[in-house]
Amino acid sequence: MVKGGIEALTFLYQLMREPEDYYRVLTEVAEDAHACGVRYIETFWNPSDTALPYATVTDTLAQAIEDVEQRLGLIVRLIPSINREKSPEEAVDMVNAMIAYPHPYVLGIGIDYKEHNAPVEHFWKAYALAQSHGLRTTAHCSEFGLHWRNVETGVELIHVDRIDHGYTLIDNPELTALYAQHGIPFTVIPSNTYYFKLWPEHEQWAMNHPIRTMAKAGLNIIPCTDDWHIHDTTSANCYRVMVEDFGFDLDSLRQMLINSIEACWMPEETKQQWLTEWTADFDRLRGTLAAEPVIAPHKLIQYCRAR
């Protein structure tokens, strides 16, 4: 029996045996994202979990990306990700494969899977190699209630561009304030399963979720879906939760839209264009609402970044 999201991902990779499987998965993810208004995706995949050559999968995903953009107008870019349950040497092998077969749709590296016995510093060599070849970097840190020092290590020692998760940083208020001032981007996941288990009562979960505390501290947060289909969520649902469950107003969501564009790894001129166009679209659509969401005063968060 498959138990948990990580185990499900491991099992699914065993089923994806042909290039066409990767084409299909990327296409279906893109179609689902497009259906709820997503315009740009940076998606992770784990090269060390497939028997197919890195170049073969990259070419297949690139073809899917081009077909999706032509058909839907949705832009997708790739982040090959280290499986931290495997050895640091395999992580270096992954980066070497990326260097040997560069592709303009491949923007950087990440790291995921179970963090408990594999903090990001174990993989310093892979990260240093990637950075020395101009690749961007992000890392899953301090997920599943793990210590905030994993975030600190990712930022101070590995020098990642972004942190994925990072929830327990709030247990260190001084470091939280520092990283808020520095504007370090944190991709945060409302559907993270750890906190559903920690607070099974819905209102307790909604009020105590660390995303609320991160926002109140002024951290640069970006709501994301993580394992979209495994978590049974969508990008639209992700933002619905931010409003209806966590209490963010629409000004907060506008700021998160800005955060997401600024933190993405596209060229600066593209990001500036998106900032102009997409915030205007947000404002136009907001103007069509019959009424703004009504949020109870005890729950309301009017989010703004620390400056």
C-alpha atoms as a PDB file:
ATOM      1  CA  MET A   1       0.000   0.000   0.000  1.00  0.00           C
ATOM      2  CA  VAL A   2       1.251   3.499  -0.858  1.00  0.00           C
ATOM      3  CA  LYS A   3       1.197   5.808   2.174  1.00  0.00           C
ATOM      4  CA  GLY A   4       1.692   9.565   1.922  1.00  0.00           C
ATOM      5  CA  GLY A   5       2.534  11.992  -0.830  1.00  0.00           C
ATOM      6  CA  ILE A   6       6.241  11.239  -1.046  1.00  0.00           C
ATOM      7  CA  GLU A   7       5.624   7.508  -1.290  1.00  0.00           C
ATOM      8  CA  ALA A   8       3.029   8.173  -3.991  1.00  0.00           C
ATOM      9  CA  LEU A   9       5.523  10.211  -6.004  1.00  0.00           C
ATOM     10  CA  THR A  10       8.118   7.461  -5.738  1.00  0.00           C
ATOM     11  CA  PHE A  11       5.557   4.940  -6.956  1.00  0.00           C
ATOM     12  CA  LEU A  12       4.455   7.148  -9.844  1.00  0.00           C
ATOM     13  CA  TYR A  13       7.993   7.531 -11.146  1.00  0.00           C
ATOM     14  CA  GLN A  14       8.157   3.747 -11.435  1.00  0.00           C
ATOM     15  CA  LEU A  15       5.118   3.865 -13.712  1.00  0.00           C
ATOM     16  CA  MET A  16       6.515   6.609 -15.958  1.00  0.00           C
ATOM     17  CA  ARG A  17       8.676   4.467 -18.212  1.00  0.00           C
ATOM     18  CA  GLU A  18       8.419   6.157 -21.603  1.00  0.00           C
ATOM     19  CA  PRO A  19       9.077   9.736 -22.752  1.00  0.00           C
ATOM     20  CA  GLU A  20       5.408   9.988 -23.709  1.00  0.00           C
ATOM     21  CA  ASP A  21       4.484   9.571 -20.038  1.00  0.00           C
ATOM     22  CA  TYR A  22       6.360  12.757 -19.158  1.00  0.00           C
ATOM     23  CA  TYR A  23       4.799  14.601 -22.066  1.00  0.00           C
ATOM     24  CA  ARG A  24       1.350  13.581 -20.877  1.00  0.00           C
ATOM     25  CA  VAL A  25       1.924  14.530 -17.242  1.00  0.00           C
ATOM     26  CA  LEU A  26       3.272  17.987 -18.026  1.00  0.00           C
ATOM     27  CA  THR A  27       0.468  18.608 -20.499  1.00  0.00           C
ATOM     28  CA  GLU A  28      -2.242  17.547 -18.060  1.00  0.00           C
ATOM     29  CA  VAL A  29      -0.770  19.624 -15.237  1.00  0.00           C
ATOM     30  CA  ALA A  30      -0.638  22.628 -17.557  1.00  0.00           C
ATOM     31  CA  GLU A  31      -4.235  22.118 -18.680  1.00  0.00           C
ATOM     32  CA  ASP A  32      -5.448  21.963 -15.080  1.00  0.00           C
ATOM     33  CA  ALA A  33      -3.439  25.068 -14.204  1.00  0.00           C
ATOM     34  CA  HIS A  34      -4.758  26.975 -17.197  1.00  0.00           C
ATOM     35  CA  ALA A  35      -8.311  26.087 -16.202  1.00  0.00           C
ATOM     36  CA  CYS A  36      -7.947  28.096 -13.002  1.00  0.00           C
ATOM     37  CA  GLY A  37      -6.138  31.093 -14.457  1.00  0.00           C
ATOM     38  CA  VAL A  38      -2.458  30.232 -13.997  1.00  0.00           C
ATOM     39  CA  ARG A  39      -0.188  31.939 -16.529  1.00  0.00           C
ATOM     40  CA  TYR A  40       3.285  30.786 -15.512  1.00  0.00           C
ATOM     41  CA  ILE A  41       4.617  27.659 -13.775  1.00  0.00           C
ATOM     42  CA  GLU A  42       8.040  26.686 -12.480  1.00  0.00           C
ATOM     43  CA  THR A  43       7.659  22.957 -11.994  1.00  0.00           C
ATOM     44  CA  PHE A  44       9.917  20.440 -10.274  1.00  0.00           C
ATOM     45  CA  TRP A  45      10.865  16.961 -11.405  1.00  0.00           C
ATOM     46  CA  ASN A  46      13.404  14.447 -10.065  1.00  0.00           C
ATOM     47  CA  PRO A  47      15.900  13.202 -12.690  1.00  0.00           C
ATOM     48  CA  SER A  48      17.425  10.650 -10.315  1.00  0.00           C
ATOM     49  CA  ASP A  49      14.057   8.906  -9.970  1.00  0.00           C
ATOM     50  CA  THR A  50      13.735   7.879 -13.611  1.00  0.00           C
ATOM     51  CA  ALA A  51      15.647   5.310 -15.627  1.00  0.00           C
ATOM     52  CA  LEU A  52      15.317   7.488 -18.717  1.00  0.00           C
ATOM     53  CA  PRO A  53      18.311   9.657 -19.675  1.00  0.00           C
ATOM     54  CA  TYR A  54      18.192  13.258 -18.454  1.00  0.00           C
ATOM     55  CA  ALA A  55      18.473  14.607 -22.003  1.00  0.00           C
ATOM     56  CA  THR A  56      15.582  12.455 -23.209  1.00  0.00           C
ATOM     57  CA  VAL A  57      13.207  13.634 -20.500  1.00  0.00           C
ATOM     58  CA  THR A  58      14.319  17.250 -20.875  1.00  0.00           C
ATOM     59  CA  ASP A  59      13.671  17.198 -24.614  1.00  0.00           C
ATOM     60  CA  THR A  60      10.272  15.587 -24.065  1.00  0.00           C
ATOM     61  CA  LEU A  61       9.251  18.116 -21.428  1.00  0.00           C
ATOM     62  CA  ALA A  62      10.512  20.952 -23.619  1.00  0.00           C
ATOM     63  CA  GLN A  63       8.336  19.768 -26.497  1.00  0.00           C
ATOM     64  CA  ALA A  64       5.346  19.619 -24.168  1.00  0.00           C
ATOM     65  CA  ILE A  65       6.154  23.132 -22.926  1.00  0.00           C
ATOM     66  CA  GLU A  66       6.221  24.504 -26.464  1.00  0.00           C
ATOM     67  CA  ASP A  67       2.983  22.768 -27.400  1.00  0.00           C
ATOM     68  CA  VAL A  68       1.267  24.016 -24.242  1.00  0.00           C
ATOM     69  CA  GLU A  69       2.382  27.601 -24.811  1.00  0.00           C
ATOM     70  CA  GLN A  70       1.191  27.548 -28.416  1.00  0.00           C
ATOM     71  CA  ARG A  71      -2.173  26.020 -27.515  1.00  0.00           C
ATOM     72  CA  LEU A  72      -2.944  27.650 -24.163  1.00  0.00           C
ATOM     73  CA  GLY A  73      -0.603  30.624 -23.829  1.00  0.00           C
ATOM     74  CA  LEU A  74       0.656  29.175 -20.536  1.00  0.00           C
ATOM     75  CA  ILE A  75       4.415  29.371 -19.937  1.00  0.00           C
ATOM     76  CA  VAL A  76       6.163  26.519 -18.103  1.00  0.00           C
ATOM     77  CA  ARG A  77       9.776  26.287 -16.980  1.00  0.00           C
ATOM     78  CA  LEU A  78      11.653  23.422 -15.315  1.00  0.00           C
ATOM     79  CA  ILE A  79      13.486  22.941 -12.013  1.00  0.00           C
ATOM     80  CA  PRO A  80      15.228  19.560 -11.807  1.00  0.00           C
ATOM     81  CA  SER A  81      15.168  18.628  -8.148  1.00  0.00           C
ATOM     82  CA  ILE A  82      17.466  16.617  -5.905  1.00  0.00           C
ATOM     83  CA  ASN A  83      15.910  13.607  -4.202  1.00  0.00           C
ATOM     84  CA  ARG A  84      17.455  14.121  -0.778  1.00  0.00           C
ATOM     85  CA  GLU A  85      16.704  10.514   0.200  1.00  0.00           C
ATOM     86  CA  LYS A  86      19.451   9.544  -2.225  1.00  0.00           C
ATOM     87  CA  SER A  87      23.148  10.307  -1.830  1.00  0.00           C
ATOM     88  CA  PRO A  88      24.845  13.694  -2.218  1.00  0.00           C
ATOM     89  CA  GLU A  89      26.937  12.093  -4.945  1.00  0.00           C
ATOM     90  CA  GLU A  90      23.801  11.333  -6.966  1.00  0.00           C
ATOM     91  CA  ALA A  91      22.841  14.981  -6.563  1.00  0.00           C
ATOM     92  CA  VAL A  92      26.175  16.017  -8.061  1.00  0.00           C
ATOM     93  CA  ASP A  93      25.576  13.559 -10.902  1.00  0.00           C
ATOM     94  CA  MET A  94      22.224  15.221 -11.549  1.00  0.00           C
ATOM     95  CA  VAL A  95      23.787  18.673 -11.775  1.00  0.00           C
ATOM     96  CA  ASN A  96      26.551  17.376 -14.025  1.00  0.00           C
ATOM     97  CA  ALA A  97      23.893  15.973 -16.350  1.00  0.00           C
ATOM     98  CA  MET A  98      22.251  19.396 -16.434  1.00  0.00           C
ATOM     99  CA  ILE A  99      25.557  21.089 -17.211  1.00  0.00           C
ATOM    100  CA  ALA A 100      26.310  18.586 -19.964  1.00  0.00           C
ATOM    101  CA  TYR A 101      22.896  19.183 -21.539  1.00  0.00           C
ATOM    102  CA  PRO A 102      21.862  22.800 -20.908  1.00  0.00           C
ATOM    103  CA  HIS A 103      18.429  23.938 -22.016  1.00  0.00           C
ATOM    104  CA  PRO A 104      16.874  27.417 -21.920  1.00  0.00           C
ATOM    105  CA  TYR A 105      13.743  26.052 -20.239  1.00  0.00           C
ATOM    106  CA  VAL A 106      15.780  24.648 -17.322  1.00  0.00           C
ATOM    107  CA  LEU A 107      16.293  27.512 -14.881  1.00  0.00           C
ATOM    108  CA  GLY A 108      17.818  26.010 -11.753  1.00  0.00           C
ATOM    109  CA  ILE A 109      17.714  23.250  -9.155  1.00  0.00           C
ATOM    110  CA  GLY A 110      15.685  22.412  -6.080  1.00  0.00           C
ATOM    111  CA  ILE A 111      15.643  19.719  -3.425  1.00  0.00           C
ATOM    112  CA  ASP A 112      12.710  17.775  -2.000  1.00  0.00           C
ATOM    113  CA  TYR A 113      11.590  14.479  -0.423  1.00  0.00           C
ATOM    114  CA  LYS A 114      12.048  13.713   3.301  1.00  0.00           C
ATOM    115  CA  GLU A 115      14.214  16.289   5.011  1.00  0.00           C
ATOM    116  CA  HIS A 116      14.535  14.633   8.427  1.00  0.00           C
ATOM    117  CA  ASN A 117      17.902  12.932   7.892  1.00  0.00           C
ATOM    118  CA  ALA A 118      19.003  14.949   4.889  1.00  0.00           C
ATOM    119  CA  PRO A 119      19.343  18.681   5.596  1.00  0.00           C
ATOM    120  CA  VAL A 120      20.310  20.852   2.677  1.00  0.00           C
ATOM    121  CA  GLU A 121      23.960  21.209   3.727  1.00  0.00           C
ATOM    122  CA  HIS A 122      24.546  17.544   2.899  1.00  0.00           C
ATOM    123  CA  PHE A 123      24.152  18.591  -0.732  1.00  0.00           C
ATOM    124  CA  TRP A 124      26.399  21.643  -0.689  1.00  0.00           C
ATOM    125  CA  LYS A 125      28.593  20.361  -3.500  1.00  0.00           C
ATOM    126  CA  ALA A 126      25.669  19.956  -5.903  1.00  0.00           C
ATOM    127  CA  TYR A 127      24.426  23.444  -5.059  1.00  0.00           C
ATOM    128  CA  ALA A 128      27.862  25.020  -5.429  1.00  0.00           C
ATOM    129  CA  LEU A 129      28.311  23.318  -8.787  1.00  0.00           C
ATOM    130  CA  ALA A 130      24.930  24.528 -10.006  1.00  0.00           C
ATOM    131  CA  GLN A 131      25.585  28.088  -8.863  1.00  0.00           C
ATOM    132  CA  SER A 132      29.016  28.121 -10.511  1.00  0.00           C
ATOM    133  CA  HIS A 133      27.281  27.410 -13.823  1.00  0.00           C
ATOM    134  CA  GLY A 134      24.693  30.157 -13.462  1.00  0.00           C
ATOM    135  CA  LEU A 135      21.762  28.032 -12.317  1.00  0.00           C
ATOM    136  CA  ARG A 136      19.283  29.431  -9.804  1.00  0.00           C
ATOM    137  CA  THR A 137      18.606  27.581  -6.555  1.00  0.00           C
ATOM    138  CA  THR A 138      15.784  26.850  -4.165  1.00  0.00           C
ATOM    139  CA  ALA A 139      15.358  24.308  -1.356  1.00  0.00           C
ATOM    140  CA  HIS A 140      12.645  22.666   0.706  1.00  0.00           C
ATOM    141  CA  CYS A 141      13.682  23.595   4.258  1.00  0.00           C
ATOM    142  CA  SER A 142      12.046  23.325   7.688  1.00  0.00           C
ATOM    143  CA  GLU A 143       9.005  21.426   6.454  1.00  0.00           C
ATOM    144  CA  PHE A 144       7.157  18.862   8.617  1.00  0.00           C
ATOM    145  CA  GLY A 145       7.936  20.817  11.797  1.00  0.00           C
ATOM    146  CA  LEU A 146      11.695  20.512  11.396  1.00  0.00           C
ATOM    147  CA  HIS A 147      14.034  23.032  13.029  1.00  0.00           C
ATOM    148  CA  TRP A 148      14.389  26.587  11.710  1.00  0.00           C
ATOM    149  CA  ARG A 149      18.161  26.131  11.441  1.00  0.00           C
ATOM    150  CA  ASN A 150      17.516  24.334   8.143  1.00  0.00           C
ATOM    151  CA  VAL A 151      16.239  27.607   6.685  1.00  0.00           C
ATOM    152  CA  GLU A 152      19.202  29.467   8.134  1.00  0.00           C
ATOM    153  CA  THR A 153      21.585  26.944   6.599  1.00  0.00           C
ATOM    154  CA  GLY A 154      19.884  27.212   3.228  1.00  0.00           C
ATOM    155  CA  VAL A 155      20.200  30.991   3.247  1.00  0.00           C
ATOM    156  CA  GLU A 156      23.521  31.579   4.987  1.00  0.00           C
ATOM    157  CA  LEU A 157      25.600  28.577   3.866  1.00  0.00           C
ATOM    158  CA  ILE A 158      24.025  27.375   0.617  1.00  0.00           C
ATOM    159  CA  HIS A 159      22.914  30.871  -0.502  1.00  0.00           C
ATOM    160  CA  VAL A 160      19.699  29.711  -2.159  1.00  0.00           C
ATOM    161  CA  ASP A 161      17.586  32.225  -4.044  1.00  0.00           C
ATOM    162  CA  ARG A 162      14.325  30.971  -2.525  1.00  0.00           C
ATOM    163  CA  ILE A 163      13.089  28.826   0.340  1.00  0.00           C
ATOM    164  CA  ASP A 164      10.240  26.362  -0.129  1.00  0.00           C
ATOM    165  CA  HIS A 165       8.130  25.974   3.041  1.00  0.00           C
ATOM    166  CA  GLY A 166      10.302  27.318   5.898  1.00  0.00           C
ATOM    167  CA  TYR A 167       7.441  27.421   8.390  1.00  0.00           C
ATOM    168  CA  THR A 168       9.377  26.925  11.624  1.00  0.00           C
ATOM    169  CA  LEU A 169      11.414  30.048  10.948  1.00  0.00           C
ATOM    170  CA  ILE A 170       8.749  31.793  13.027  1.00  0.00           C
ATOM    171  CA  ASP A 171      10.141  29.995  16.096  1.00  0.00           C
ATOM    172  CA  ASN A 172      13.106  32.375  15.782  1.00  0.00           C
ATOM    173  CA  PRO A 173      11.568  35.878  15.765  1.00  0.00           C
ATOM    174  CA  GLU A 174      14.914  37.631  15.328  1.00  0.00           C
ATOM    175  CA  LEU A 175      15.810  35.610  12.234  1.00  0.00           C
ATOM    176  CA  THR A 176      12.265  35.988  10.922  1.00  0.00           C
ATOM    177  CA  ALA A 177      12.545  39.770  11.157  1.00  0.00           C
ATOM    178  CA  LEU A 178      15.942  39.727   9.447  1.00  0.00           C
ATOM    179  CA  TYR A 179      14.763  37.602   6.529  1.00  0.00           C
ATOM    180  CA  ALA A 180      11.625  39.703   6.218  1.00  0.00           C
ATOM    181  CA  GLN A 181      13.773  42.815   5.853  1.00  0.00           C
ATOM    182  CA  HIS A 182      15.994  41.057   3.312  1.00  0.00           C
ATOM    183  CA  GLY A 183      12.941  40.039   1.282  1.00  0.00           C
ATOM    184  CA  ILE A 184      13.933  36.391   0.944  1.00  0.00           C
ATOM    185  CA  PRO A 185      11.105  34.657  -0.966  1.00  0.00           C
ATOM    186  CA  PHE A 186       9.256  31.799   0.746  1.00  0.00           C
ATOM    187  CA  THR A 187       6.913  29.588  -1.263  1.00  0.00           C
ATOM    188  CA  VAL A 188       4.273  28.466   1.237  1.00  0.00           C
ATOM    189  CA  ILE A 189       1.722  25.693   0.924  1.00  0.00           C
ATOM    190  CA  PRO A 190      -1.738  26.065   2.526  1.00  0.00           C
ATOM    191  CA  SER A 191      -2.432  22.370   1.849  1.00  0.00           C
ATOM    192  CA  ASN A 192       0.702  21.132   3.648  1.00  0.00           C
ATOM    193  CA  THR A 193      -0.374  17.877   5.268  1.00  0.00           C
ATOM    194  CA  TYR A 194       1.750  18.238   8.418  1.00  0.00           C
ATOM    195  CA  TYR A 195      -0.435  21.012   9.809  1.00  0.00           C
ATOM    196  CA  PHE A 196      -3.678  19.239   8.960  1.00  0.00           C
ATOM    197  CA  LYS A 197      -2.460  16.418  11.200  1.00  0.00           C
ATOM    198  CA  LEU A 198      -1.176  18.767  13.899  1.00  0.00           C
ATOM    199  CA  TRP A 199      -4.499  20.644  14.127  1.00  0.00           C
ATOM    200  CA  PRO A 200      -7.291  18.365  12.861  1.00  0.00           C
ATOM    201  CA  GLU A 201      -9.968  20.823  14.026  1.00  0.00           C
ATOM    202  CA  HIS A 202     -10.513  23.204  11.120  1.00  0.00           C
ATOM    203  CA  GLU A 203     -10.695  26.534  12.944  1.00  0.00           C
ATOM    204  CA  GLN A 204      -7.667  25.697  15.062  1.00  0.00           C
ATOM    205  CA  TRP A 205      -5.740  24.807  11.910  1.00  0.00           C
ATOM    206  CA  ALA A 206      -6.828  28.007  10.163  1.00  0.00           C
ATOM    207  CA  MET A 207      -5.938  30.332  13.044  1.00  0.00           C
ATOM    208  CA  ASN A 208      -2.664  28.663  14.045  1.00  0.00           C
ATOM    209  CA  HIS A 209      -1.192  27.954  10.632  1.00  0.00           C
ATOM    210  CA  PRO A 210       2.335  29.411  10.411  1.00  0.00           C
ATOM    211  CA  ILE A 211       1.536  31.092   7.102  1.00  0.00           C
ATOM    212  CA  ARG A 212      -0.511  33.617   9.065  1.00  0.00           C
ATOM    213  CA  THR A 213       2.392  34.341  11.395  1.00  0.00           C
ATOM    214  CA  MET A 214       4.848  34.565   8.497  1.00  0.00           C
ATOM    215  CA  ALA A 215       2.602  37.123   6.832  1.00  0.00           C
ATOM    216  CA  LYS A 216       2.192  39.189   9.992  1.00  0.00           C
ATOM    217  CA  ALA A 217       5.988  39.289  10.270  1.00  0.00           C
ATOM    218  CA  GLY A 218       6.196  40.763   6.773  1.00  0.00           C
ATOM    219  CA  LEU A 219       7.990  37.843   5.144  1.00  0.00           C
ATOM    220  CA  ASN A 220       7.972  37.634   1.360  1.00  0.00           C
ATOM    221  CA  ILE A 221       5.463  34.802   0.952  1.00  0.00           C
ATOM    222  CA  ILE A 222       4.104  33.211  -2.223  1.00  0.00           C
ATOM    223  CA  PRO A 223       1.182  30.743  -1.955  1.00  0.00           C
ATOM    224  CA  CYS A 224       1.815  27.572  -3.959  1.00  0.00           C
ATOM    225  CA  THR A 225       0.228  24.158  -4.406  1.00  0.00           C
ATOM    226  CA  ASP A 226       3.214  21.798  -3.939  1.00  0.00           C
ATOM    227  CA  ASP A 227       1.955  18.356  -5.010  1.00  0.00           C
ATOM    228  CA  TRP A 228      -1.189  19.588  -6.756  1.00  0.00           C
ATOM    229  CA  HIS A 229      -3.040  16.344  -7.429  1.00  0.00           C
ATOM    230  CA  ILE A 230      -1.671  14.455  -4.436  1.00  0.00           C
ATOM    231  CA  HIS A 231      -2.880  17.230  -2.120  1.00  0.00           C
ATOM    232  CA  ASP A 232      -6.197  17.367  -4.020  1.00  0.00           C
ATOM    233  CA  THR A 233      -5.935  21.110  -4.542  1.00  0.00           C
ATOM    234  CA  THR A 234      -5.525  23.687  -7.309  1.00  0.00           C
ATOM    235  CA  SER A 235      -3.987  27.132  -7.561  1.00  0.00           C
ATOM    236  CA  ALA A 236      -7.457  28.665  -7.376  1.00  0.00           C
ATOM    237  CA  ASN A 237      -8.231  26.676  -4.247  1.00  0.00           C
ATOM    238  CA  CYS A 238      -4.892  27.681  -2.772  1.00  0.00           C
ATOM    239  CA  TYR A 239      -5.844  31.357  -2.943  1.00  0.00           C
ATOM    240  CA  ARG A 240      -9.388  30.616  -1.797  1.00  0.00           C
ATOM    241  CA  VAL A 241      -7.926  29.095   1.364  1.00  0.00           C
ATOM    242  CA  MET A 242      -5.753  32.162   1.871  1.00  0.00           C
ATOM    243  CA  VAL A 243      -8.904  34.317   1.955  1.00  0.00           C
ATOM    244  CA  GLU A 244     -11.658  32.152   3.408  1.00  0.00           C
ATOM    245  CA  ASP A 245      -9.628  30.152   5.925  1.00  0.00           C
ATOM    246  CA  PHE A 246      -6.574  32.281   6.736  1.00  0.00           C
ATOM    247  CA  GLY A 247      -8.259  35.688   6.509  1.00  0.00           C
ATOM    248  CA  PHE A 248      -6.231  37.569   3.894  1.00  0.00           C
ATOM    249  CA  ASP A 249      -7.954  40.430   2.097  1.00  0.00           C
ATOM    250  CA  LEU A 250      -7.683  41.117  -1.630  1.00  0.00           C
ATOM    251  CA  ASP A 251      -4.964  43.739  -1.187  1.00  0.00           C
ATOM    252  CA  SER A 252      -2.928  40.939   0.389  1.00  0.00           C
ATOM    253  CA  LEU A 253      -3.494  38.688  -2.617  1.00  0.00           C
ATOM    254  CA  ARG A 254      -2.401  41.478  -4.935  1.00  0.00           C
ATOM    255  CA  GLN A 255       0.848  41.782  -2.995  1.00  0.00           C
ATOM    256  CA  MET A 256       1.353  38.015  -3.209  1.00  0.00           C
ATOM    257  CA  LEU A 257       0.897  38.224  -6.980  1.00  0.00           C
ATOM    258  CA  ILE A 258       3.659  40.827  -7.057  1.00  0.00           C
ATOM    259  CA  ASN A 259       5.825  38.655  -4.801  1.00  0.00           C
ATOM    260  CA  SER A 260       5.426  35.679  -7.120  1.00  0.00           C
ATOM    261  CA  ILE A 261       6.461  37.615 -10.208  1.00  0.00           C
ATOM    262  CA  GLU A 262       9.449  39.230  -8.527  1.00  0.00           C
ATOM    263  CA  ALA A 263      10.664  35.889  -7.129  1.00  0.00           C
ATOM    264  CA  CYS A 264      10.351  33.911 -10.352  1.00  0.00           C
ATOM    265  CA  TRP A 265      13.385  33.114 -12.481  1.00  0.00           C
ATOM    266  CA  MET A 266      12.363  34.653 -15.770  1.00  0.00           C
ATOM    267  CA  PRO A 267      14.355  37.533 -17.326  1.00  0.00           C
ATOM    268  CA  GLU A 268      13.944  40.886 -15.606  1.00  0.00           C
ATOM    269  CA  GLU A 269      12.321  42.568 -18.605  1.00  0.00           C
ATOM    270  CA  THR A 270       9.703  39.814 -18.742  1.00  0.00           C
ATOM    271  CA  LYS A 271       8.982  40.205 -15.047  1.00  0.00           C
ATOM    272  CA  GLN A 272       8.540  43.949 -15.405  1.00  0.00           C
ATOM    273  CA  GLN A 273       6.080  43.400 -18.237  1.00  0.00           C
ATOM    274  CA  TRP A 274       4.141  40.874 -16.168  1.00  0.00           C
ATOM    275  CA  LEU A 275       4.068  43.188 -13.163  1.00  0.00           C
ATOM    276  CA  THR A 276       2.443  45.885 -15.268  1.00  0.00           C
ATOM    277  CA  GLU A 277       0.025  43.651 -17.149  1.00  0.00           C
ATOM    278  CA  TRP A 278      -0.970  41.167 -14.474  1.00  0.00           C
ATOM    279  CA  THR A 279      -1.567  43.671 -11.687  1.00  0.00           C
ATOM    280  CA  ALA A 280      -3.736  45.649 -14.114  1.00  0.00           C
ATOM    281  CA  ASP A 281      -5.676  42.480 -14.899  1.00  0.00           C
ATOM    282  CA  PHE A 282      -6.059  41.772 -11.173  1.00  0.00           C
ATOM    283  CA  ASP A 283      -7.411  45.274 -10.581  1.00  0.00           C
ATOM    284  CA  ARG A 284      -9.786  45.016 -13.535  1.00  0.00           C
ATOM    285  CA  LEU A 285     -11.185  41.669 -12.401  1.00  0.00           C
ATOM    286  CA  ARG A 286     -11.447  42.895  -8.831  1.00  0.00           C
ATOM    287  CA  GLY A 287     -13.509  45.801 -10.082  1.00  0.00           C
ATOM    288  CA  THR A 288     -16.094  43.393 -11.492  1.00  0.00           C
ATOM    289  CA  LEU A 289     -16.841  41.854  -8.080  1.00  0.00           C
ATOM    290  CA  ALA A 290     -20.247  42.596  -6.624  1.00  0.00           C
ATOM    291  CA  ALA A 291     -18.612  42.785  -3.198  1.00  0.00           C
ATOM    292  CA  GLU A 292     -15.259  42.189  -1.531  1.00  0.00           C
ATOM    293  CA  PRO A 293     -14.905  39.079   0.669  1.00  0.00           C
ATOM    294  CA  VAL A 294     -16.230  39.605   4.183  1.00  0.00           C
ATOM    295  CA  ILE A 295     -13.625  38.514   6.734  1.00  0.00           C
ATOM    296  CA  ALA A 296     -14.219  38.385  10.474  1.00  0.00           C
ATOM    297  CA  PRO A 297     -12.165  41.050  12.296  1.00  0.00           C
ATOM    298  CA  HIS A 298     -10.427  38.492  14.534  1.00  0.00           C
ATOM    299  CA  LYS A 299      -9.183  36.638  11.457  1.00  0.00           C
ATOM    300  CA  LEU A 300      -8.427  39.515   9.072  1.00  0.00           C
ATOM    301  CA  ILE A 301      -4.849  39.910   7.825  1.00  0.00           C
ATOM    302  CA  GLN A 302      -3.919  42.989   5.813  1.00  0.00           C
ATOM    303  CA  TYR A 303      -0.595  41.721   4.556  1.00  0.00           C
ATOM    304  CA  CYS A 304       2.302  43.901   3.553  1.00  0.00           C
ATOM    305  CA  ARG A 305       5.992  43.168   3.126  1.00  0.00           C
ATOM    306  CA  ALA A 306       8.588  44.388   5.609  1.00  0.00           C
ATOM    307  CA  ARG A 307      10.690  47.191   4.146  1.00  0.00           C
END
